[in-house]
């Protein structure tokens, strides 16, 4: 309103079913443990996103972000605490098959391998790769204590076919050795 107040939608990200006459949002209620608006009365707000499918369409990586109001002054929310949980969904069965709690405090970019066993993410605190089955966590970069802003859009991270290399617009990261090379763009 007059550029003084920004209202975010209640729902960010998700799945839509286009098979009917009108698109219908598919609820992801199995993923949320708390609900409500991010206000002093309830204290919590969950929003879903990013959601990124694997290249082969078999799995999706889903992040559910929880915002908790930590400080209120004059009925205005002035302090927030974010937590992001990761869920792997089997898209054929449309069921969550794996979950990892508290991967970061807000996620901007996400990627998943074709077998659904490895996920990369860029969050408020770190850029990391998680082996979902073993729980092994490889940190590419850290950015501790940065401020998380609810993103207007999300980005995806791409894996090589063998799932051992992560490709971004700027770098190629070898997951097994932990080495990173700059991508060379031709003129």
N, C-alpha and C. Protein backbone atom coordinates (compact mmCIF):
# COMPACT_ATOMS: atom_id res chain seq x y z
N UNK A 1 0.86 -1.17 0.00
CA UNK A 1 0.00 0.00 0.00
C UNK A 1 0.89 1.22 0.00
N UNK A 2 0.82 2.01 -1.08
CA UNK A 2 1.65 3.22 -1.21
C UNK A 2 3.14 2.96 -0.98
N UNK A 3 3.60 1.77 -1.32
CA UNK A 3 5.01 1.37 -1.17
C UNK A 3 5.50 1.42 0.28
N UNK A 4 4.59 1.55 1.23
CA UNK A 4 4.99 1.58 2.64
C UNK A 4 4.84 0.23 3.32
N UNK A 5 4.02 -0.63 2.76
CA UNK A 5 3.75 -1.91 3.40
C UNK A 5 3.75 -3.01 2.33
N UNK A 6 4.53 -4.06 2.56
CA UNK A 6 4.58 -5.17 1.62
C UNK A 6 3.87 -6.35 2.25
N UNK A 7 2.89 -6.88 1.57
CA UNK A 7 2.14 -8.03 2.06
C UNK A 7 2.52 -9.23 1.19
N UNK A 8 3.10 -10.24 1.80
CA UNK A 8 3.45 -11.45 1.06
C UNK A 8 2.22 -12.36 0.99
N UNK A 9 2.08 -13.14 -0.06
CA UNK A 9 0.94 -14.06 -0.14
C UNK A 9 1.04 -15.13 0.94
N UNK A 10 -0.11 -15.71 1.29
CA UNK A 10 -0.13 -16.76 2.31
C UNK A 10 0.58 -18.02 1.84
N UNK A 11 0.69 -18.20 0.53
CA UNK A 11 1.26 -19.43 -0.01
C UNK A 11 2.29 -19.06 -1.07
N UNK A 12 3.50 -19.55 -0.90
CA UNK A 12 4.56 -19.32 -1.88
C UNK A 12 5.08 -20.70 -2.30
N UNK A 13 5.04 -21.01 -3.58
CA UNK A 13 5.51 -22.31 -4.06
C UNK A 13 4.40 -23.34 -3.98
N UNK A 14 4.64 -24.52 -4.54
CA UNK A 14 3.67 -25.60 -4.42
C UNK A 14 3.40 -26.29 -5.74
N UNK A 15 2.47 -27.21 -5.72
CA UNK A 15 2.08 -27.98 -6.91
C UNK A 15 0.71 -27.54 -7.36
N UNK A 16 0.51 -27.50 -8.66
CA UNK A 16 -0.80 -27.20 -9.22
C UNK A 16 -1.23 -28.36 -10.10
N UNK A 17 -2.50 -28.71 -10.03
CA UNK A 17 -3.07 -29.75 -10.86
C UNK A 17 -3.84 -29.07 -11.99
N UNK A 18 -3.37 -29.26 -13.22
CA UNK A 18 -3.98 -28.62 -14.38
C UNK A 18 -4.91 -29.56 -15.14
N UNK A 19 -5.27 -30.70 -14.56
CA UNK A 19 -6.07 -31.69 -15.30
C UNK A 19 -7.53 -31.28 -15.42
N UNK A 20 -8.03 -30.44 -14.53
CA UNK A 20 -9.43 -30.03 -14.58
C UNK A 20 -9.62 -28.75 -15.38
N UNK A 21 -10.82 -28.22 -15.35
CA UNK A 21 -11.11 -26.98 -16.05
C UNK A 21 -10.37 -25.79 -15.44
N UNK A 22 -10.17 -25.84 -14.12
CA UNK A 22 -9.42 -24.79 -13.44
C UNK A 22 -8.27 -25.43 -12.68
N UNK A 23 -7.14 -24.71 -12.62
CA UNK A 23 -6.00 -25.23 -11.88
C UNK A 23 -6.33 -25.29 -10.40
N UNK A 24 -5.95 -26.39 -9.76
CA UNK A 24 -6.21 -26.56 -8.33
C UNK A 24 -4.89 -26.74 -7.61
N UNK A 25 -4.74 -26.05 -6.47
CA UNK A 25 -3.53 -26.20 -5.68
C UNK A 25 -3.61 -27.51 -4.92
N UNK A 26 -2.56 -28.30 -4.97
CA UNK A 26 -2.50 -29.55 -4.22
C UNK A 26 -1.90 -29.24 -2.86
N UNK A 27 -2.66 -29.51 -1.81
CA UNK A 27 -2.20 -29.21 -0.45
C UNK A 27 -1.04 -30.11 -0.07
N UNK A 28 -0.08 -29.53 0.64
CA UNK A 28 1.05 -30.30 1.15
C UNK A 28 0.95 -30.36 2.67
N UNK A 29 -0.26 -30.64 3.17
CA UNK A 29 -0.51 -30.59 4.61
C UNK A 29 0.29 -31.64 5.37
N UNK A 30 0.72 -32.71 4.71
CA UNK A 30 1.50 -33.73 5.41
C UNK A 30 2.87 -33.21 5.82
N UNK A 31 3.29 -32.05 5.26
CA UNK A 31 4.62 -31.53 5.55
C UNK A 31 4.65 -30.58 6.73
N UNK A 32 3.54 -30.01 7.10
CA UNK A 32 3.58 -28.94 8.10
C UNK A 32 3.23 -29.45 9.48
N UNK A 33 3.94 -28.93 10.47
CA UNK A 33 3.67 -29.31 11.85
C UNK A 33 3.05 -28.15 12.62
N UNK A 34 3.28 -26.93 12.18
CA UNK A 34 2.70 -25.74 12.81
C UNK A 34 1.95 -25.00 11.72
N UNK A 35 0.96 -24.26 12.10
CA UNK A 35 0.26 -23.47 11.09
C UNK A 35 -0.21 -22.17 11.70
N UNK A 36 -0.62 -21.28 10.86
CA UNK A 36 -1.12 -20.00 11.33
C UNK A 36 -0.40 -18.87 10.64
N UNK A 37 -0.80 -17.67 10.96
CA UNK A 37 -0.17 -16.50 10.39
C UNK A 37 0.99 -16.07 11.26
N UNK A 38 1.95 -15.40 10.64
CA UNK A 38 3.11 -14.92 11.38
C UNK A 38 2.70 -13.62 12.08
N UNK A 39 1.99 -13.76 13.20
CA UNK A 39 1.56 -12.58 13.94
C UNK A 39 1.65 -12.85 15.44
N UNK A 40 1.51 -11.83 16.27
CA UNK A 40 1.69 -12.01 17.71
C UNK A 40 0.72 -13.02 18.33
N UNK A 41 -0.44 -13.23 17.74
CA UNK A 41 -1.42 -14.15 18.34
C UNK A 41 -1.03 -15.61 18.16
N UNK A 42 -0.51 -15.98 16.98
CA UNK A 42 -0.17 -17.38 16.74
C UNK A 42 1.33 -17.62 16.80
N UNK A 43 2.12 -16.65 16.35
CA UNK A 43 3.57 -16.77 16.45
C UNK A 43 4.25 -17.55 15.35
N UNK A 44 3.50 -18.27 14.51
CA UNK A 44 4.13 -19.10 13.48
C UNK A 44 3.51 -18.84 12.11
N UNK A 45 4.29 -19.10 11.09
CA UNK A 45 3.79 -19.06 9.72
C UNK A 45 4.65 -20.01 8.91
N UNK A 46 4.03 -20.94 8.20
CA UNK A 46 4.74 -21.86 7.32
C UNK A 46 4.52 -21.45 5.89
N UNK A 47 5.56 -21.48 5.07
CA UNK A 47 5.37 -21.32 3.64
C UNK A 47 6.25 -22.33 2.93
N UNK A 48 5.76 -22.81 1.80
CA UNK A 48 6.42 -23.87 1.06
C UNK A 48 7.17 -23.26 -0.11
N UNK A 49 8.42 -23.61 -0.26
CA UNK A 49 9.22 -23.16 -1.38
C UNK A 49 10.66 -22.96 -0.94
N UNK A 50 11.58 -23.23 -1.79
CA UNK A 50 11.40 -23.71 -3.16
C UNK A 50 11.00 -25.17 -3.25
N UNK A 51 10.46 -25.50 -4.42
CA UNK A 51 10.15 -26.89 -4.78
C UNK A 51 10.79 -27.13 -6.13
N UNK A 52 11.67 -28.16 -6.20
CA UNK A 52 12.41 -28.41 -7.44
C UNK A 52 12.32 -29.89 -7.78
N UNK A 53 11.86 -30.23 -8.99
CA UNK A 53 11.84 -31.64 -9.39
C UNK A 53 13.20 -32.09 -9.89
N UNK A 54 13.45 -33.40 -9.81
CA UNK A 54 14.65 -33.96 -10.43
C UNK A 54 14.49 -33.87 -11.94
N UNK A 55 15.60 -33.93 -12.66
CA UNK A 55 15.55 -33.82 -14.13
C UNK A 55 14.68 -34.92 -14.75
N UNK A 56 14.68 -36.11 -14.15
CA UNK A 56 13.89 -37.21 -14.71
C UNK A 56 12.44 -37.21 -14.23
N UNK A 57 12.07 -36.26 -13.36
CA UNK A 57 10.70 -36.14 -12.91
C UNK A 57 10.24 -37.17 -11.90
N UNK A 58 11.18 -37.94 -11.31
CA UNK A 58 10.78 -38.97 -10.35
C UNK A 58 10.67 -38.45 -8.93
N UNK A 59 11.46 -37.44 -8.59
CA UNK A 59 11.48 -36.93 -7.22
C UNK A 59 11.36 -35.41 -7.23
N UNK A 60 10.98 -34.88 -6.08
CA UNK A 60 11.00 -33.44 -5.89
C UNK A 60 11.61 -33.15 -4.52
N UNK A 61 12.43 -32.11 -4.49
CA UNK A 61 12.94 -31.60 -3.22
C UNK A 61 12.03 -30.44 -2.83
N UNK A 62 11.55 -30.46 -1.60
CA UNK A 62 10.60 -29.47 -1.12
C UNK A 62 11.13 -28.89 0.18
N UNK A 63 11.13 -27.57 0.28
CA UNK A 63 11.53 -26.92 1.52
C UNK A 63 10.30 -26.29 2.15
N UNK A 64 10.09 -26.58 3.43
CA UNK A 64 9.04 -25.92 4.20
C UNK A 64 9.74 -25.01 5.19
N UNK A 65 9.46 -23.72 5.06
CA UNK A 65 10.08 -22.71 5.91
C UNK A 65 9.10 -22.31 7.00
N UNK A 66 9.58 -22.25 8.22
CA UNK A 66 8.77 -21.82 9.34
C UNK A 66 9.32 -20.50 9.86
N UNK A 67 8.46 -19.52 9.95
CA UNK A 67 8.82 -18.22 10.50
C UNK A 67 8.19 -18.11 11.88
N UNK A 68 8.98 -17.79 12.86
CA UNK A 68 8.48 -17.59 14.22
C UNK A 68 8.74 -16.15 14.62
N UNK A 69 7.71 -15.47 15.08
CA UNK A 69 7.87 -14.10 15.56
C UNK A 69 8.59 -14.17 16.90
N UNK A 70 9.70 -13.44 17.02
CA UNK A 70 10.46 -13.44 18.27
C UNK A 70 10.36 -12.13 19.02
N UNK A 71 9.90 -11.08 18.36
CA UNK A 71 9.77 -9.79 19.04
C UNK A 71 8.66 -8.96 18.41
N UNK A 72 7.88 -8.32 19.25
CA UNK A 72 6.79 -7.45 18.81
C UNK A 72 6.93 -6.13 19.56
N UNK A 73 6.81 -5.04 18.82
CA UNK A 73 6.87 -3.71 19.43
C UNK A 73 5.72 -2.89 18.86
N UNK A 74 4.87 -2.37 19.74
CA UNK A 74 3.72 -1.56 19.33
C UNK A 74 2.86 -2.28 18.29
N UNK A 75 2.56 -3.54 18.53
CA UNK A 75 1.77 -4.39 17.63
C UNK A 75 2.41 -4.62 16.27
N UNK A 76 3.68 -4.30 16.11
CA UNK A 76 4.40 -4.55 14.86
C UNK A 76 5.42 -5.67 15.10
N UNK A 77 5.50 -6.58 14.14
CA UNK A 77 6.48 -7.66 14.24
C UNK A 77 7.85 -7.08 13.90
N UNK A 78 8.79 -7.19 14.84
CA UNK A 78 10.11 -6.62 14.60
C UNK A 78 11.22 -7.66 14.66
N UNK A 79 10.93 -8.86 15.12
CA UNK A 79 11.94 -9.92 15.17
C UNK A 79 11.38 -11.23 14.68
N UNK A 80 12.19 -11.95 13.88
CA UNK A 80 11.75 -13.22 13.30
C UNK A 80 12.86 -14.25 13.41
N UNK A 81 12.46 -15.51 13.49
CA UNK A 81 13.40 -16.62 13.46
C UNK A 81 12.91 -17.59 12.40
N UNK A 82 13.78 -17.95 11.45
CA UNK A 82 13.40 -18.84 10.36
C UNK A 82 14.05 -20.21 10.53
N UNK A 83 13.34 -21.23 10.09
CA UNK A 83 13.88 -22.59 10.06
C UNK A 83 13.36 -23.26 8.80
N UNK A 84 14.23 -23.98 8.10
CA UNK A 84 13.85 -24.65 6.85
C UNK A 84 14.04 -26.15 6.99
N UNK A 85 12.98 -26.91 6.69
CA UNK A 85 13.03 -28.37 6.68
C UNK A 85 12.96 -28.85 5.24
N UNK A 86 13.72 -29.90 4.93
CA UNK A 86 13.79 -30.47 3.59
C UNK A 86 12.98 -31.75 3.54
N UNK A 87 12.20 -31.93 2.47
CA UNK A 87 11.43 -33.14 2.26
C UNK A 87 11.66 -33.63 0.84
N UNK A 88 11.82 -34.94 0.68
CA UNK A 88 11.96 -35.55 -0.64
C UNK A 88 10.66 -36.28 -0.93
N UNK A 89 10.04 -35.93 -2.06
CA UNK A 89 8.76 -36.53 -2.43
C UNK A 89 8.94 -37.43 -3.64
N UNK A 90 8.41 -38.64 -3.56
CA UNK A 90 8.30 -39.54 -4.70
C UNK A 90 7.10 -39.06 -5.49
N UNK A 91 7.34 -38.56 -6.70
CA UNK A 91 6.26 -37.94 -7.47
C UNK A 91 5.29 -38.96 -8.07
N UNK A 92 5.72 -40.22 -8.25
CA UNK A 92 4.79 -41.24 -8.76
C UNK A 92 3.77 -41.60 -7.67
N UNK A 93 4.24 -41.75 -6.45
CA UNK A 93 3.36 -42.10 -5.34
C UNK A 93 2.78 -40.87 -4.65
N UNK A 94 3.36 -39.71 -4.94
CA UNK A 94 3.00 -38.43 -4.33
C UNK A 94 3.05 -38.53 -2.80
N UNK A 95 4.14 -39.11 -2.31
CA UNK A 95 4.37 -39.29 -0.88
C UNK A 95 5.76 -38.79 -0.52
N UNK A 96 5.87 -38.22 0.67
CA UNK A 96 7.18 -37.83 1.19
C UNK A 96 7.90 -39.09 1.65
N UNK A 97 9.11 -39.32 1.10
CA UNK A 97 9.84 -40.54 1.42
C UNK A 97 11.02 -40.29 2.35
N UNK A 98 11.51 -39.04 2.43
CA UNK A 98 12.63 -38.71 3.31
C UNK A 98 12.47 -37.27 3.77
N UNK A 99 12.96 -36.99 4.98
CA UNK A 99 12.92 -35.63 5.50
C UNK A 99 14.20 -35.34 6.27
N UNK A 100 14.63 -34.09 6.21
CA UNK A 100 15.79 -33.62 6.98
C UNK A 100 15.36 -32.33 7.67
N UNK A 101 15.39 -32.32 8.98
CA UNK A 101 14.96 -31.14 9.76
C UNK A 101 16.06 -30.08 9.79
N UNK A 102 15.64 -28.84 9.79
CA UNK A 102 16.50 -27.67 10.05
C UNK A 102 17.78 -27.66 9.21
N UNK A 103 17.64 -27.63 7.89
CA UNK A 103 18.84 -27.57 7.05
C UNK A 103 19.44 -26.17 7.03
N UNK A 104 18.63 -25.15 7.27
CA UNK A 104 19.12 -23.77 7.26
C UNK A 104 18.04 -22.89 7.86
N UNK A 105 18.23 -21.59 7.74
CA UNK A 105 17.24 -20.64 8.24
C UNK A 105 16.69 -19.84 7.07
N UNK A 106 16.26 -20.53 6.03
CA UNK A 106 15.74 -19.90 4.82
C UNK A 106 16.54 -20.36 3.62
N UNK A 107 15.87 -20.80 2.57
CA UNK A 107 16.53 -21.36 1.39
C UNK A 107 16.14 -20.57 0.15
N UNK A 108 17.15 -20.20 -0.64
CA UNK A 108 16.96 -19.42 -1.87
C UNK A 108 17.04 -20.28 -3.13
N UNK A 109 17.86 -21.32 -3.12
CA UNK A 109 18.06 -22.16 -4.30
C UNK A 109 18.14 -23.61 -3.86
N UNK A 110 17.73 -24.53 -4.76
CA UNK A 110 17.62 -25.94 -4.41
C UNK A 110 17.84 -26.79 -5.64
N UNK A 111 18.41 -27.97 -5.46
CA UNK A 111 18.59 -28.93 -6.55
C UNK A 111 18.54 -30.34 -6.00
N UNK A 112 18.11 -31.29 -6.84
CA UNK A 112 18.02 -32.69 -6.42
C UNK A 112 18.49 -33.59 -7.56
N UNK A 113 19.16 -34.68 -7.20
CA UNK A 113 19.64 -35.64 -8.20
C UNK A 113 18.49 -36.50 -8.70
N UNK A 114 18.70 -37.18 -9.82
CA UNK A 114 17.67 -38.03 -10.41
C UNK A 114 17.27 -39.19 -9.50
N UNK A 115 18.20 -39.66 -8.64
CA UNK A 115 17.86 -40.77 -7.75
C UNK A 115 17.28 -40.29 -6.41
N UNK A 116 17.19 -38.98 -6.21
CA UNK A 116 16.60 -38.42 -5.00
C UNK A 116 17.45 -38.53 -3.76
N UNK A 117 18.71 -38.97 -3.89
CA UNK A 117 19.55 -39.20 -2.72
C UNK A 117 20.46 -38.04 -2.36
N UNK A 118 20.59 -37.05 -3.23
CA UNK A 118 21.50 -35.93 -2.97
C UNK A 118 20.78 -34.63 -3.29
N UNK A 119 20.92 -33.67 -2.39
CA UNK A 119 20.28 -32.36 -2.54
C UNK A 119 21.32 -31.28 -2.29
N UNK A 120 21.28 -30.24 -3.11
CA UNK A 120 22.12 -29.06 -2.89
C UNK A 120 21.19 -27.89 -2.60
N UNK A 121 21.66 -26.97 -1.73
CA UNK A 121 20.85 -25.80 -1.44
C UNK A 121 21.73 -24.60 -1.13
N UNK A 122 21.19 -23.43 -1.44
CA UNK A 122 21.78 -22.18 -1.01
C UNK A 122 20.81 -21.57 -0.02
N UNK A 123 21.27 -21.39 1.20
CA UNK A 123 20.42 -20.86 2.25
C UNK A 123 20.98 -19.58 2.83
N UNK A 124 20.33 -19.12 3.85
CA UNK A 124 20.79 -17.89 4.51
C UNK A 124 22.18 -18.09 5.11
N UNK A 125 22.43 -19.27 5.69
CA UNK A 125 23.68 -19.51 6.41
C UNK A 125 24.74 -20.25 5.61
N UNK A 126 24.35 -20.97 4.58
CA UNK A 126 25.35 -21.77 3.87
C UNK A 126 24.87 -22.23 2.49
N UNK A 127 25.87 -22.61 1.69
CA UNK A 127 25.68 -23.30 0.42
C UNK A 127 26.21 -24.70 0.69
N UNK A 128 25.37 -25.73 0.59
CA UNK A 128 25.79 -27.06 1.00
C UNK A 128 25.15 -28.14 0.14
N UNK A 129 25.72 -29.36 0.24
CA UNK A 129 25.21 -30.55 -0.42
C UNK A 129 24.95 -31.58 0.68
N UNK A 130 23.78 -32.20 0.65
CA UNK A 130 23.41 -33.21 1.65
C UNK A 130 23.18 -34.54 0.94
N UNK A 131 23.83 -35.59 1.43
CA UNK A 131 23.50 -36.95 1.03
C UNK A 131 22.37 -37.39 1.95
N UNK A 132 21.16 -37.47 1.42
CA UNK A 132 19.97 -37.64 2.25
C UNK A 132 19.99 -38.97 3.00
N UNK A 133 20.43 -40.06 2.35
CA UNK A 133 20.41 -41.37 3.01
C UNK A 133 21.38 -41.44 4.18
N UNK A 134 22.61 -40.98 3.98
CA UNK A 134 23.63 -41.08 5.03
C UNK A 134 23.65 -39.89 5.97
N UNK A 135 23.08 -38.77 5.53
CA UNK A 135 23.12 -37.56 6.34
C UNK A 135 24.41 -36.77 6.19
N UNK A 136 25.31 -37.23 5.31
CA UNK A 136 26.58 -36.52 5.11
C UNK A 136 26.30 -35.13 4.55
N UNK A 137 26.96 -34.15 5.14
CA UNK A 137 26.72 -32.73 4.85
C UNK A 137 28.03 -32.11 4.39
N UNK A 138 28.06 -31.62 3.15
CA UNK A 138 29.27 -30.97 2.62
C UNK A 138 28.98 -29.48 2.46
N UNK A 139 29.70 -28.65 3.17
CA UNK A 139 29.50 -27.21 3.09
C UNK A 139 30.42 -26.65 2.01
N UNK A 140 29.84 -25.98 1.02
CA UNK A 140 30.61 -25.35 -0.05
C UNK A 140 31.05 -23.96 0.39
N UNK A 141 30.12 -23.19 0.94
CA UNK A 141 30.41 -21.85 1.44
C UNK A 141 29.52 -21.58 2.64
N UNK A 142 29.97 -20.70 3.53
CA UNK A 142 29.13 -20.28 4.64
C UNK A 142 28.89 -18.78 4.57
N UNK A 143 27.78 -18.37 5.12
CA UNK A 143 27.45 -16.95 5.20
C UNK A 143 26.68 -16.72 6.49
N UNK A 144 27.34 -17.00 7.62
CA UNK A 144 26.70 -16.94 8.93
C UNK A 144 26.17 -15.55 9.25
N UNK A 145 25.06 -15.54 9.96
CA UNK A 145 24.44 -14.32 10.47
C UNK A 145 24.00 -13.34 9.39
N UNK A 146 23.78 -13.81 8.18
CA UNK A 146 23.24 -12.91 7.16
C UNK A 146 21.72 -12.82 7.39
N UNK A 147 21.12 -11.79 6.86
CA UNK A 147 19.69 -11.58 7.05
C UNK A 147 18.93 -12.31 5.96
N UNK A 148 17.93 -13.08 6.34
CA UNK A 148 17.12 -13.79 5.36
C UNK A 148 15.95 -12.92 4.93
N UNK A 149 15.80 -12.76 3.64
CA UNK A 149 14.66 -12.05 3.08
C UNK A 149 13.82 -13.08 2.33
N UNK A 150 12.50 -13.05 2.50
CA UNK A 150 11.65 -13.98 1.77
C UNK A 150 11.84 -13.71 0.29
N UNK A 151 12.31 -14.70 -0.47
CA UNK A 151 12.61 -14.44 -1.88
C UNK A 151 11.36 -14.26 -2.72
N UNK A 152 11.47 -13.42 -3.71
CA UNK A 152 10.38 -13.23 -4.66
C UNK A 152 10.34 -14.39 -5.67
N UNK A 153 11.47 -15.04 -5.85
CA UNK A 153 11.54 -16.21 -6.73
C UNK A 153 12.62 -17.13 -6.20
N UNK A 154 12.60 -18.36 -6.65
CA UNK A 154 13.59 -19.33 -6.22
C UNK A 154 14.39 -19.80 -7.43
N UNK A 155 15.58 -20.30 -7.18
CA UNK A 155 16.44 -20.79 -8.25
C UNK A 155 16.68 -22.28 -8.05
N UNK A 156 17.08 -22.95 -9.13
CA UNK A 156 17.42 -24.36 -9.02
C UNK A 156 18.91 -24.55 -9.26
N UNK A 157 19.47 -25.58 -8.65
CA UNK A 157 20.86 -25.97 -8.82
C UNK A 157 20.86 -27.26 -9.62
N UNK A 158 21.82 -27.43 -10.52
CA UNK A 158 21.84 -28.58 -11.42
C UNK A 158 22.98 -29.53 -11.11
N UNK A 159 22.68 -30.82 -11.13
CA UNK A 159 23.69 -31.87 -10.94
C UNK A 159 24.05 -32.49 -12.28
N UNK A 160 25.26 -33.04 -12.37
CA UNK A 160 25.64 -33.82 -13.54
C UNK A 160 24.88 -35.14 -13.52
N UNK A 161 24.90 -35.88 -14.63
CA UNK A 161 24.17 -37.15 -14.72
C UNK A 161 24.64 -38.17 -13.68
N UNK A 162 25.99 -38.15 -13.36
CA UNK A 162 26.50 -39.11 -12.38
C UNK A 162 26.31 -38.63 -10.93
N UNK A 163 25.70 -37.47 -10.74
CA UNK A 163 25.36 -36.91 -9.41
C UNK A 163 26.57 -36.48 -8.60
N UNK A 164 27.76 -36.41 -9.20
CA UNK A 164 28.98 -36.07 -8.47
C UNK A 164 29.46 -34.65 -8.71
N UNK A 165 28.80 -33.92 -9.59
CA UNK A 165 29.21 -32.56 -9.90
C UNK A 165 28.00 -31.65 -9.83
N UNK A 166 28.20 -30.48 -9.22
CA UNK A 166 27.14 -29.49 -9.09
C UNK A 166 27.51 -28.31 -9.97
N UNK A 167 26.58 -27.88 -10.80
CA UNK A 167 26.85 -26.81 -11.77
C UNK A 167 25.98 -25.61 -11.44
N UNK A 168 26.62 -24.45 -11.33
CA UNK A 168 25.88 -23.21 -11.15
C UNK A 168 26.26 -22.27 -12.29
N UNK A 169 25.74 -21.07 -12.28
CA UNK A 169 26.09 -20.12 -13.34
C UNK A 169 27.54 -19.70 -13.29
N UNK A 170 28.16 -19.79 -12.12
CA UNK A 170 29.54 -19.32 -11.98
C UNK A 170 30.57 -20.41 -11.79
N UNK A 171 30.18 -21.53 -11.19
CA UNK A 171 31.18 -22.52 -10.80
C UNK A 171 30.75 -23.94 -11.11
N UNK A 172 31.76 -24.82 -11.14
CA UNK A 172 31.56 -26.26 -11.21
C UNK A 172 32.18 -26.83 -9.95
N UNK A 173 31.37 -27.50 -9.13
CA UNK A 173 31.81 -28.01 -7.84
C UNK A 173 31.85 -29.52 -7.88
N UNK A 174 33.06 -30.11 -7.65
CA UNK A 174 33.21 -31.56 -7.56
C UNK A 174 32.87 -31.96 -6.13
N UNK A 175 31.78 -32.67 -5.95
CA UNK A 175 31.26 -32.97 -4.62
C UNK A 175 32.17 -33.90 -3.84
N UNK A 176 32.74 -34.90 -4.50
CA UNK A 176 33.58 -35.88 -3.80
C UNK A 176 34.89 -35.28 -3.32
N UNK A 177 35.52 -34.43 -4.13
CA UNK A 177 36.82 -33.86 -3.74
C UNK A 177 36.68 -32.51 -3.04
N UNK A 178 35.52 -31.87 -3.18
CA UNK A 178 35.32 -30.57 -2.57
C UNK A 178 36.01 -29.43 -3.30
N UNK A 179 36.40 -29.66 -4.56
CA UNK A 179 37.08 -28.61 -5.33
C UNK A 179 36.09 -27.88 -6.22
N UNK A 180 36.39 -26.61 -6.44
CA UNK A 180 35.50 -25.78 -7.23
C UNK A 180 36.32 -25.10 -8.33
N UNK A 181 35.76 -25.09 -9.55
CA UNK A 181 36.41 -24.41 -10.67
C UNK A 181 35.44 -23.35 -11.22
N UNK A 182 36.01 -22.27 -11.70
CA UNK A 182 35.18 -21.26 -12.34
C UNK A 182 34.73 -21.75 -13.69
N UNK A 183 33.48 -21.47 -14.02
CA UNK A 183 32.97 -21.78 -15.33
C UNK A 183 33.53 -20.74 -16.30
N UNK A 184 34.06 -21.18 -17.41
CA UNK A 184 34.61 -20.24 -18.38
C UNK A 184 33.60 -20.01 -19.48
N UNK A 185 33.16 -18.77 -19.60
CA UNK A 185 32.19 -18.40 -20.63
C UNK A 185 32.95 -17.84 -21.82
N UNK A 186 32.56 -18.27 -22.99
CA UNK A 186 33.19 -17.70 -24.19
C UNK A 186 32.49 -16.39 -24.54
N UNK A 187 33.19 -15.54 -25.24
CA UNK A 187 32.59 -14.25 -25.60
C UNK A 187 31.49 -14.47 -26.62
